[in-house]
Amino acid sequence: MKVLSRIFLGFSAIVFAFGAYIHTSAFGRMSDAVAKSDLPAFLGNGFRTLWLQDSAIQILFAIVFAVVAIRPAAATRFVVVIIGLLPITTALFIYHFIGHFVGGHIFLAGGLAAILGALLKSENRQN
């Protein structure tokens, strides 16, 4: 099961790296749309901040899950499950406020893969 755990964690890392790439790539278009809108500057800048924050968080998820896939002893099963719940929670917020959207699917797939990888992970700290 150790190999399958690493595959799930590696898949999760790839999903989040891809999500960060497509999200960051869309920043210019989103920023232009905000500039053309009638949003107050504070809200527009807040939206830009949250947009880039989301990209940064996905990069961090990708790094964390890649490190655990490569070096399973870097984190316990419990820690990986807790971290994996964060993107799942984000997916639920996306589904609630936006509806079915690719961002929600990315967060859900990455989070579920991370949790599955964690549950299949050996707790032998010598891995």
Protein backbone atom coordinates (compact mmCIF):
# COMPACT_ATOMS: atom_id res chain seq x y z
CA MET A 1 0.00 0.00 0.00
CA LYS A 2 3.00 2.28 0.39
CA VAL A 3 3.34 2.68 -3.39
CA LEU A 4 -0.37 3.45 -3.81
CA SER A 5 -0.14 6.03 -1.05
CA ARG A 6 2.72 7.75 -2.85
CA ILE A 7 0.80 7.66 -6.14
CA PHE A 8 -2.23 9.37 -4.54
CA LEU A 9 -0.05 11.98 -2.85
CA GLY A 10 1.91 12.58 -6.05
CA PHE A 11 -1.33 12.90 -8.01
CA SER A 12 -2.57 15.43 -5.47
CA ALA A 13 0.64 17.44 -5.85
CA ILE A 14 0.26 17.45 -9.64
CA VAL A 15 -3.40 18.48 -9.42
CA PHE A 16 -2.55 21.44 -7.18
CA ALA A 17 0.45 22.47 -9.30
CA PHE A 18 -1.78 22.44 -12.39
CA GLY A 19 -4.50 24.32 -10.50
CA ALA A 20 -2.01 26.98 -9.41
CA TYR A 21 -0.78 27.34 -12.98
CA ILE A 22 -4.22 27.83 -14.54
CA HIS A 23 -5.38 30.05 -11.70
CA THR A 24 -2.32 32.30 -11.84
CA SER A 25 -2.51 32.39 -15.65
CA ALA A 26 -6.01 33.89 -15.42
CA PHE A 27 -4.94 36.68 -13.05
CA GLY A 28 -4.43 39.25 -15.83
CA ARG A 29 -7.89 38.70 -17.30
CA MET A 30 -9.50 38.84 -13.86
CA SER A 31 -7.56 41.96 -12.93
CA ASP A 32 -8.63 43.68 -16.18
CA ALA A 33 -12.25 42.77 -15.49
CA VAL A 34 -12.00 44.19 -11.96
CA ALA A 35 -10.45 47.40 -13.32
CA LYS A 36 -13.38 47.80 -15.75
CA SER A 37 -15.96 47.12 -13.04
CA ASP A 38 -17.55 49.59 -10.68
CA LEU A 39 -16.13 47.87 -7.60
CA PRO A 40 -14.59 50.23 -5.06
CA ALA A 41 -10.76 50.09 -5.16
CA PHE A 42 -10.61 48.38 -1.76
CA LEU A 43 -12.86 45.50 -2.90
CA GLY A 44 -11.12 45.20 -6.26
CA ASN A 45 -7.71 45.02 -4.63
CA GLY A 46 -9.07 42.57 -2.07
CA PHE A 47 -10.31 40.37 -4.90
CA ARG A 48 -6.88 40.49 -6.57
CA THR A 49 -5.25 39.59 -3.25
CA LEU A 50 -7.57 36.64 -2.67
CA TRP A 51 -6.99 35.47 -6.25
CA LEU A 52 -3.22 35.33 -5.81
CA GLN A 53 -3.59 33.94 -2.30
CA ASP A 54 -5.53 31.01 -3.76
CA SER A 55 -2.73 30.38 -6.25
CA ALA A 56 -0.09 30.53 -3.50
CA ILE A 57 -2.04 28.09 -1.34
CA GLN A 58 -2.27 25.63 -4.22
CA ILE A 59 1.50 25.88 -4.72
CA LEU A 60 2.00 25.14 -1.02
CA PHE A 61 -0.37 22.16 -1.19
CA ALA A 62 1.56 20.88 -4.21
CA ILE A 63 4.87 21.20 -2.36
CA VAL A 64 3.61 19.60 0.87
CA PHE A 65 2.00 16.62 -0.85
CA ALA A 66 5.00 16.14 -3.17
CA VAL A 67 7.37 16.13 -0.18
CA VAL A 68 5.23 13.55 1.64
CA ALA A 69 4.98 11.44 -1.54
CA ILE A 70 8.76 11.47 -1.89
CA ARG A 71 9.53 11.21 1.81
CA PRO A 72 6.56 9.70 3.70
CA ALA A 73 8.22 10.14 7.10
CA ALA A 74 8.04 13.93 6.63
CA ALA A 75 4.48 13.99 8.02
CA THR A 76 2.18 11.72 9.97
CA ARG A 77 -1.03 10.33 8.55
CA PHE A 78 -3.05 12.62 10.85
CA VAL A 79 -1.25 15.77 9.68
CA VAL A 80 -1.74 14.89 6.00
CA VAL A 81 -5.45 14.20 6.56
CA ILE A 82 -5.90 17.54 8.35
CA ILE A 83 -4.10 19.39 5.56
CA GLY A 84 -6.14 17.46 2.98
CA LEU A 85 -9.36 18.67 4.60
CA LEU A 86 -8.46 22.29 3.79
CA PRO A 87 -8.89 21.99 0.00
CA ILE A 88 -12.02 19.89 0.45
CA THR A 89 -13.50 22.67 2.58
CA THR A 90 -12.51 25.17 -0.12
CA ALA A 91 -14.25 23.00 -2.72
CA LEU A 92 -17.43 23.00 -0.64
CA PHE A 93 -17.35 26.81 -0.46
CA ILE A 94 -16.81 27.00 -4.22
CA TYR A 95 -19.74 24.67 -4.88
CA HIS A 96 -21.95 26.61 -2.49
CA PHE A 97 -21.20 30.11 -3.75
CA ILE A 98 -20.26 29.54 -7.40
CA GLY A 99 -21.76 26.16 -8.26
CA HIS A 100 -20.11 23.47 -10.34
CA PHE A 101 -16.84 25.02 -11.41
CA VAL A 102 -13.48 23.58 -12.40
CA GLY A 103 -11.78 25.20 -9.38
CA GLY A 104 -14.02 23.24 -7.03
CA HIS A 105 -13.27 20.03 -8.89
CA ILE A 106 -9.53 20.68 -8.65
CA PHE A 107 -9.67 21.31 -4.90
CA LEU A 108 -11.92 18.31 -4.33
CA ALA A 109 -9.81 15.91 -6.42
CA GLY A 110 -6.55 17.09 -4.88
CA GLY A 111 -7.90 16.97 -1.34
CA LEU A 112 -9.49 13.54 -1.71
CA ALA A 113 -6.33 12.12 -3.31
CA ALA A 114 -4.23 13.51 -0.46
CA ILE A 115 -6.53 12.01 2.16
CA LEU A 116 -6.59 8.63 0.40
CA GLY A 117 -2.80 8.76 0.20
CA ALA A 118 -2.62 9.58 3.89
CA LEU A 119 -4.97 6.76 4.88
CA LEU A 120 -2.91 4.26 2.86
CA LYS A 121 0.37 5.67 4.20
CA SER A 122 2.48 3.56 6.48
CA GLU A 123 2.99 5.13 9.88
CA ASN A 124 6.43 3.60 10.13
CA ARG A 125 8.55 6.73 10.66
CA GLN A 126 11.50 5.01 8.94
CA ASN A 127 9.98 5.37 5.41
